[in-house]
Amino acid sequence: MTRITLNAIRKSYDSGPEIIQGIDLSIQDGEFMVFVGPSGCGKSTLLRMIAGLESISQGQLLIGDQDATHRPPVERGVAMVFQSYALYPHMTVGDNMRFGLRINKVPKAEIAERVGRAAEILQISHLLDQYPRQLSGGQRQRVAIGRAIVRKPAVFLFDEPLSNLDANLRVQMRVELTRLHRELGTTMIYVTHDQTEAMTMGDRIAVFNGGHIEQVGAPLALYEAPDNTFVGQFLGSPKMNLLPASHEGLGPWRPFKTEQGVAHLGVRPEALVTVPTGQGWPVQVDVIEHLGDTTLVYLRVPGMEAPLCMKLACGRCDWQPGQALCIAPAPGGLHLFGADHRRITTL
């Protein structure tokens, strides 16, 4: 197991703007760290810098106790799994997994032991004599992961490895990768733009935005106490509702005015509840989405363009579009943010 330390890491190309803007981060031995954020936020670039596929403009990278800032990729002890499977089509599954070891002149007996063990872990032993064209997308991704496992790296790097899979396979592979991490105990860094993957897989999450990290922490800690409105709205599906604190339609919640430092009110869809008229926000039902186990209700607030989303833990809802309701945040469900969009407190 290996610790990774990033000290003031920066990345820029020629005279262009900085892609990575001074990132400091420590990833513990055996930790499953997830980099999550929107497209273009710098998470994949940073992963490639750790792998040695991108140079580091400024700062220091430590892998274990060794300075790896300018080391070539082959000397970093990392293995990377890409979004594209990158398998050799003319080789069998077994030969794809053996290839790197043969190049490095690993003894045949050891190659057989490593490949056999990796195939057993990934449940692809029965596929070793088949070719990539004969496999499903999920099976090909297992082979790509197996090719990384046989190298026995100190660190696994995953760059959106599930993006090409359908919804059901993504769920299955999320479970398998989590199990794989538990079994191997190796340090893993996983890049995704999918907040569901981040929430369900990571020991910790680093939320990226515009080349820097907004917040780092355990998934539920970030969900329950986001540092700012970006993290609050990025984590969670549907996203956190955000309202101006000074809006006239907020009824009894309007005392949170800008002079008290509160500029925005945040409340998650599942934290909204109905209350008697006059004790909350007057709203009107706009659209209802029945999802089977839950129901999403989109509500119109007078004077606000964007609707609020309310999440009900039931599959049926008898409300009708146009119906008037009164809603309020449940206790502990109201997040107060300042004019700088940073979190002040939660009520």
Protein backbone atom coordinates (compact mmCIF):
# COMPACT_ATOMS: atom_id res chain seq x y z
CA MET A 1 0.00 0.00 0.00
CA THR A 2 1.22 3.50 -0.84
CA ARG A 3 0.47 7.05 0.26
CA ILE A 4 0.27 9.79 -2.40
CA THR A 5 1.00 13.42 -1.56
CA LEU A 6 0.36 16.38 -3.84
CA ASN A 7 2.06 19.62 -2.83
CA ALA A 8 0.98 22.83 -4.63
CA ILE A 9 0.56 21.00 -7.95
CA ARG A 10 0.01 23.25 -10.97
CA LYS A 11 -0.42 22.61 -14.68
CA SER A 12 -0.45 25.00 -17.63
CA TYR A 13 0.26 24.73 -21.33
CA ASP A 14 2.61 27.31 -22.86
CA SER A 15 1.16 30.77 -22.13
CA GLY A 16 -2.39 29.54 -21.62
CA PRO A 17 -4.41 29.59 -18.38
CA GLU A 18 -3.66 27.19 -15.55
CA ILE A 19 -5.53 23.90 -15.87
CA ILE A 20 -4.59 22.80 -12.34
CA GLN A 21 -4.36 25.63 -9.83
CA GLY A 22 -2.19 24.74 -6.87
CA ILE A 23 -3.68 21.50 -5.50
CA ASP A 24 -2.65 20.15 -2.09
CA LEU A 25 -3.95 16.69 -1.26
CA SER A 26 -2.89 13.61 0.72
CA ILE A 27 -4.26 10.19 -0.24
CA GLN A 28 -3.75 7.59 2.47
CA ASP A 29 -2.37 4.07 2.16
CA GLY A 30 -5.07 1.75 0.84
CA GLU A 31 -7.61 4.53 0.39
CA PHE A 32 -10.21 4.62 -2.38
CA MET A 33 -10.16 8.29 -3.40
CA VAL A 34 -12.63 9.61 -5.98
CA PHE A 35 -12.04 12.74 -8.06
CA VAL A 36 -15.45 14.05 -9.13
CA GLY A 37 -16.53 17.15 -10.98
CA PRO A 38 -17.99 18.45 -14.25
CA SER A 39 -16.26 18.02 -17.61
CA GLY A 40 -13.22 20.24 -18.01
CA CYS A 41 -12.61 20.75 -14.28
CA GLY A 42 -9.11 19.20 -14.34
CA LYS A 43 -9.72 15.86 -12.59
CA SER A 44 -8.50 13.65 -15.48
CA THR A 45 -5.55 15.97 -16.11
CA LEU A 46 -4.45 15.59 -12.49
CA LEU A 47 -4.82 11.81 -12.71
CA ARG A 48 -2.61 11.75 -15.80
CA MET A 49 -0.06 13.90 -13.97
CA ILE A 50 0.06 11.33 -11.17
CA ALA A 51 0.52 8.60 -13.79
CA GLY A 52 3.30 10.53 -15.51
CA LEU A 53 1.38 10.94 -18.77
CA GLU A 54 1.28 14.73 -18.25
CA SER A 55 4.16 16.81 -16.95
CA ILE A 56 3.88 18.80 -13.72
CA SER A 57 4.42 22.53 -14.31
CA GLN A 58 4.97 23.37 -10.62
CA GLY A 59 4.77 21.57 -7.30
CA GLN A 60 5.81 18.19 -5.96
CA LEU A 61 4.35 14.69 -6.26
CA LEU A 62 5.30 12.04 -3.70
CA ILE A 63 4.40 8.38 -4.26
CA GLY A 64 5.24 6.65 -1.01
CA ASP A 65 8.36 8.35 0.28
CA GLN A 66 9.78 8.92 -3.19
CA ASP A 67 9.69 12.16 -5.16
CA ALA A 68 7.96 11.17 -8.41
CA THR A 69 7.51 14.69 -9.80
CA HIS A 70 9.70 14.07 -12.85
CA ARG A 71 9.97 10.28 -12.86
CA PRO A 72 8.95 8.44 -16.04
CA PRO A 73 5.67 6.49 -15.79
CA VAL A 74 7.35 3.09 -15.73
CA GLU A 75 9.18 3.98 -12.51
CA ARG A 76 6.14 5.22 -10.56
CA GLY A 77 4.61 1.88 -9.64
CA VAL A 78 1.16 2.81 -10.90
CA ALA A 79 -1.27 1.08 -13.26
CA MET A 80 -3.95 2.99 -15.14
CA VAL A 81 -7.30 1.78 -16.48
CA PHE A 82 -8.76 4.00 -19.18
CA GLN A 83 -12.28 4.71 -20.40
CA SER A 84 -11.44 2.83 -23.60
CA TYR A 85 -10.49 -0.77 -22.91
CA ALA A 86 -7.37 -0.59 -25.13
CA LEU A 87 -7.17 -4.38 -25.57
CA TYR A 88 -5.15 -6.00 -28.33
CA PRO A 89 -7.83 -7.45 -30.65
CA HIS A 90 -5.55 -10.17 -32.10
CA MET A 91 -4.67 -11.54 -28.65
CA THR A 92 -6.76 -13.74 -26.38
CA VAL A 93 -7.84 -12.48 -22.98
CA GLY A 94 -5.03 -14.46 -21.36
CA ASP A 95 -2.41 -13.08 -23.75
CA ASN A 96 -3.68 -9.52 -23.19
CA MET A 97 -3.14 -9.99 -19.46
CA ARG A 98 0.26 -11.70 -19.91
CA PHE A 99 1.70 -9.26 -22.45
CA GLY A 100 3.14 -6.64 -20.09
CA LEU A 101 4.67 -9.29 -17.85
CA ARG A 102 6.33 -11.01 -20.82
CA ILE A 103 7.81 -7.70 -21.98
CA ASN A 104 9.32 -7.28 -18.51
CA LYS A 105 10.69 -10.86 -18.64
CA VAL A 106 8.75 -12.09 -15.61
CA PRO A 107 9.25 -15.89 -15.20
CA LYS A 108 6.57 -18.02 -16.86
CA ALA A 109 5.49 -19.70 -13.65
CA GLU A 110 4.97 -16.35 -11.97
CA ILE A 111 3.05 -15.03 -15.00
CA ALA A 112 0.72 -18.03 -14.86
CA GLU A 113 0.18 -17.54 -11.12
CA ARG A 114 -0.54 -13.78 -11.44
CA VAL A 115 -2.89 -14.15 -14.41
CA GLY A 116 -4.72 -17.05 -12.80
CA ARG A 117 -5.19 -15.15 -9.56
CA ALA A 118 -6.39 -11.96 -11.30
CA ALA A 119 -8.80 -13.93 -13.47
CA GLU A 120 -10.17 -15.65 -10.37
CA ILE A 121 -10.69 -12.34 -8.56
CA LEU A 122 -12.48 -10.85 -11.56
CA GLN A 123 -14.41 -14.04 -12.37
CA ILE A 124 -13.08 -14.25 -15.94
CA SER A 125 -11.14 -17.54 -15.72
CA HIS A 126 -13.50 -19.09 -18.27
CA LEU A 127 -12.75 -16.29 -20.77
CA LEU A 128 -8.94 -16.60 -20.96
CA ASP A 129 -9.01 -18.32 -24.38
CA GLN A 130 -11.51 -15.95 -25.96
CA TYR A 131 -10.81 -12.79 -27.97
CA PRO A 132 -11.98 -9.26 -27.08
CA ARG A 133 -14.49 -9.23 -29.95
CA GLN A 134 -16.28 -12.15 -28.29
CA LEU A 135 -16.78 -10.30 -25.00
CA SER A 136 -19.40 -7.90 -23.68
CA GLY A 137 -18.44 -4.39 -22.58
CA GLY A 138 -18.39 -5.40 -18.92
CA GLN A 139 -16.18 -8.40 -19.64
CA ARG A 140 -13.74 -6.27 -21.63
CA GLN A 141 -13.49 -3.82 -18.76
CA ARG A 142 -12.73 -6.68 -16.38
CA VAL A 143 -9.93 -7.77 -18.69
CA ALA A 144 -8.51 -4.24 -18.74
CA ILE A 145 -8.60 -4.19 -14.94
CA GLY A 146 -7.04 -7.66 -14.82
CA ARG A 147 -4.19 -6.47 -17.01
CA ALA A 148 -3.53 -3.79 -14.37
CA ILE A 149 -3.85 -6.20 -11.43
CA VAL A 150 -1.20 -8.63 -12.72
CA ARG A 151 1.38 -5.86 -12.59
CA LYS A 152 0.90 -5.66 -8.81
CA PRO A 153 1.11 -1.85 -8.81
CA ALA A 154 1.40 0.27 -5.70
CA VAL A 155 -1.45 2.49 -6.97
CA PHE A 156 -4.40 1.90 -9.31
CA LEU A 157 -5.63 4.85 -11.38
CA PHE A 158 -9.08 4.68 -13.01
CA ASP A 159 -10.09 7.29 -15.59
CA GLU A 160 -13.89 7.05 -16.01
CA PRO A 161 -13.68 3.28 -16.65
CA LEU A 162 -17.45 2.71 -16.64
CA SER A 163 -18.51 5.49 -19.02
CA ASN A 164 -18.96 3.15 -22.00
CA LEU A 165 -21.19 0.67 -20.16
CA ASP A 166 -24.98 0.64 -20.02
CA ALA A 167 -26.81 1.55 -16.80
CA ASN A 168 -27.18 -1.99 -15.44
CA LEU A 169 -23.54 -2.88 -16.12
CA ARG A 170 -22.38 0.33 -14.48
CA VAL A 171 -24.16 -0.62 -11.27
CA GLN A 172 -22.72 -4.14 -11.40
CA MET A 173 -19.18 -2.90 -12.05
CA ARG A 174 -19.43 -0.32 -9.24
CA VAL A 175 -20.10 -3.16 -6.83
CA GLU A 176 -17.29 -5.27 -8.28
CA LEU A 177 -14.72 -2.46 -8.11
CA THR A 178 -15.65 -1.76 -4.49
CA ARG A 179 -15.24 -5.45 -3.69
CA LEU A 180 -11.94 -5.52 -5.60
CA HIS A 181 -10.58 -2.64 -3.52
CA ARG A 182 -11.59 -4.39 -0.32
CA GLU A 183 -9.88 -7.60 -1.43
CA LEU A 184 -6.65 -6.05 -2.73
CA GLY A 185 -6.31 -3.24 -0.19
CA THR A 186 -4.35 -1.17 -2.73
CA THR A 187 -4.48 2.62 -2.99
CA MET A 188 -6.93 3.57 -5.74
CA ILE A 189 -7.79 6.88 -7.37
CA TYR A 190 -10.96 6.94 -9.44
CA VAL A 191 -12.04 9.77 -11.76
CA THR A 192 -15.69 10.27 -12.67
CA HIS A 193 -18.20 13.00 -13.50
CA ASP A 194 -20.98 10.80 -12.08
CA GLN A 195 -21.77 11.86 -8.51
CA THR A 196 -23.59 8.56 -7.87
CA GLU A 197 -20.37 6.64 -8.54
CA ALA A 198 -18.50 9.02 -6.27
CA MET A 199 -20.99 8.72 -3.41
CA THR A 200 -21.22 4.93 -3.53
CA MET A 201 -17.58 3.96 -4.13
CA GLY A 202 -15.21 6.40 -2.47
CA ASP A 203 -13.77 6.33 1.04
CA ARG A 204 -13.32 10.04 0.40
CA ILE A 205 -14.33 12.40 -2.41
CA ALA A 206 -12.45 15.38 -3.82
CA VAL A 207 -14.92 17.69 -5.60
CA PHE A 208 -13.19 19.55 -8.46
CA ASN A 209 -14.26 22.80 -10.07
CA GLY A 210 -12.29 25.00 -12.48
CA GLY A 211 -8.88 23.45 -11.78
CA HIS A 212 -9.06 23.43 -7.99
CA ILE A 213 -10.63 21.33 -5.25
CA GLU A 214 -13.75 22.75 -3.60
CA GLN A 215 -13.98 20.21 -0.77
CA VAL A 216 -12.54 16.87 0.34
CA GLY A 217 -14.17 14.43 2.73
CA ALA A 218 -16.28 11.33 3.28
CA PRO A 219 -19.26 11.12 0.88
CA LEU A 220 -21.99 11.57 3.49
CA ALA A 221 -20.07 14.34 5.27
CA LEU A 222 -19.94 16.35 2.03
CA TYR A 223 -23.58 15.60 1.27
CA GLU A 224 -24.79 16.66 4.71
CA ALA A 225 -22.49 19.67 5.18
CA PRO A 226 -21.29 21.07 1.83
CA ASP A 227 -18.73 23.87 2.13
CA ASN A 228 -20.43 25.91 -0.60
CA THR A 229 -23.32 25.98 -3.03
CA PHE A 230 -21.28 24.31 -5.79
CA VAL A 231 -20.66 21.19 -3.71
CA GLY A 232 -24.22 21.28 -2.40
CA GLN A 233 -25.70 21.29 -5.88
CA PHE A 234 -23.18 18.97 -7.53
CA LEU A 235 -23.59 16.11 -5.03
CA GLY A 236 -27.07 14.69 -4.97
CA SER A 237 -29.64 13.73 -7.57
CA PRO A 238 -31.84 15.68 -7.92
CA LYS A 239 -29.57 18.55 -6.93
CA MET A 240 -30.03 20.77 -3.89
CA ASN A 241 -32.66 23.50 -4.26
CA LEU A 242 -31.13 26.98 -3.99
CA LEU A 243 -33.21 30.08 -3.24
CA PRO A 244 -32.35 33.75 -2.70
CA ALA A 245 -32.78 34.52 1.01
CA SER A 246 -34.44 37.85 0.27
CA HIS A 247 -37.16 36.48 -2.03
CA GLU A 248 -40.65 37.78 -1.20
CA GLY A 249 -42.29 34.36 -1.61
CA LEU A 250 -40.39 32.70 1.25
CA GLY A 251 -42.94 33.68 3.86
CA PRO A 252 -41.70 33.06 7.42
CA TRP A 253 -38.19 32.26 6.14
CA ARG A 254 -37.64 35.74 4.75
CA PRO A 255 -35.93 37.07 7.92
CA PHE A 256 -32.70 35.54 6.62
CA LYS A 257 -31.66 38.71 4.83
CA THR A 258 -28.37 39.74 3.31
CA GLU A 259 -27.54 42.12 6.20
CA GLN A 260 -27.37 39.05 8.46
CA GLY A 261 -24.82 37.51 6.11
CA VAL A 262 -27.22 35.00 4.57
CA ALA A 263 -27.75 35.37 0.82
CA HIS A 264 -28.86 31.88 -0.25
CA LEU A 265 -30.99 29.13 1.24
CA GLY A 266 -30.28 25.54 0.27
CA VAL A 267 -32.56 22.57 0.89
CA ARG A 268 -32.34 19.06 -0.52
CA PRO A 269 -35.43 17.63 -2.27
CA GLU A 270 -35.92 14.91 0.36
CA ALA A 271 -35.79 17.54 3.17
CA LEU A 272 -38.92 19.38 1.96
CA VAL A 273 -42.16 18.54 3.76
CA THR A 274 -45.73 19.85 3.62
CA VAL A 275 -46.93 22.12 6.45
CA PRO A 276 -50.17 23.97 7.25
CA THR A 277 -50.90 27.08 5.23
CA GLY A 278 -49.03 30.12 6.49
CA GLN A 279 -46.25 28.11 8.17
CA GLY A 280 -43.99 27.72 5.15
CA TRP A 281 -43.54 28.56 1.49
CA PRO A 282 -46.66 28.82 -0.67
CA VAL A 283 -46.09 26.79 -3.86
CA GLN A 284 -48.01 25.26 -6.73
CA VAL A 285 -47.55 21.75 -8.13
CA ASP A 286 -46.08 21.92 -11.63
CA VAL A 287 -44.81 18.48 -12.78
CA ILE A 288 -44.93 15.06 -11.08
CA GLU A 289 -42.48 12.26 -11.98
CA HIS A 290 -43.32 8.75 -10.74
CA LEU A 291 -40.13 6.68 -10.44
CA GLY A 292 -41.58 3.59 -8.78
CA ASP A 293 -39.91 3.67 -5.37
CA THR A 294 -39.90 7.48 -5.18
CA THR A 295 -41.78 10.42 -6.64
CA LEU A 296 -40.31 13.76 -7.71
CA VAL A 297 -42.62 16.76 -7.51
CA TYR A 298 -41.58 20.04 -9.16
CA LEU A 299 -43.09 23.06 -7.46
CA ARG A 300 -43.51 26.65 -8.61
CA VAL A 301 -42.74 29.44 -6.14
CA PRO A 302 -44.44 32.78 -6.97
CA GLY A 303 -41.89 35.16 -8.46
CA MET A 304 -39.20 32.51 -9.04
CA GLU A 305 -38.33 31.22 -12.49
CA ALA A 306 -36.74 27.89 -11.49
CA PRO A 307 -39.01 25.33 -9.78
CA LEU A 308 -38.23 23.59 -6.50
CA CYS A 309 -37.86 19.81 -6.48
CA MET A 310 -39.45 17.77 -3.70
CA LYS A 311 -38.62 14.07 -3.30
CA LEU A 312 -41.22 11.79 -1.75
CA ALA A 313 -40.26 8.35 -0.43
CA CYS A 314 -43.23 6.69 -2.08
CA GLY A 315 -44.14 5.56 -5.55
CA ARG A 316 -47.54 7.21 -5.71
CA CYS A 317 -48.71 10.78 -5.26
CA ASP A 318 -52.31 12.01 -5.40
CA TRP A 319 -51.45 15.65 -6.00
CA GLN A 320 -52.41 17.23 -9.29
CA PRO A 321 -50.67 19.90 -11.43
CA GLY A 322 -51.88 23.33 -10.34
CA GLN A 323 -52.63 22.25 -6.78
CA ALA A 324 -51.60 24.73 -4.07
CA LEU A 325 -49.38 23.49 -1.21
CA CYS A 326 -47.37 24.93 1.64
CA ILE A 327 -43.92 23.45 2.21
CA ALA A 328 -40.96 23.96 4.54
CA PRO A 329 -37.56 22.37 5.23
CA ALA A 330 -37.54 19.57 7.80
CA PRO A 331 -35.44 20.22 10.94
CA GLY A 332 -31.76 20.06 10.01
CA GLY A 333 -32.57 20.38 6.34
CA LEU A 334 -32.01 24.11 5.73
CA HIS A 335 -28.49 25.18 4.68
CA LEU A 336 -27.59 28.88 4.94
CA PHE A 337 -24.99 30.28 2.53
CA GLY A 338 -23.40 33.73 2.37
CA ALA A 339 -23.02 36.10 -0.57
CA ASP A 340 -19.71 34.34 -1.37
CA HIS A 341 -21.72 31.08 -1.69
CA ARG A 342 -19.90 29.56 1.30
CA ARG A 343 -21.89 27.68 3.92
CA ILE A 344 -22.65 29.52 7.17
CA THR A 345 -24.66 26.93 9.10
CA THR A 346 -27.46 24.36 8.89
CA LEU A 347 -30.79 24.67 10.69
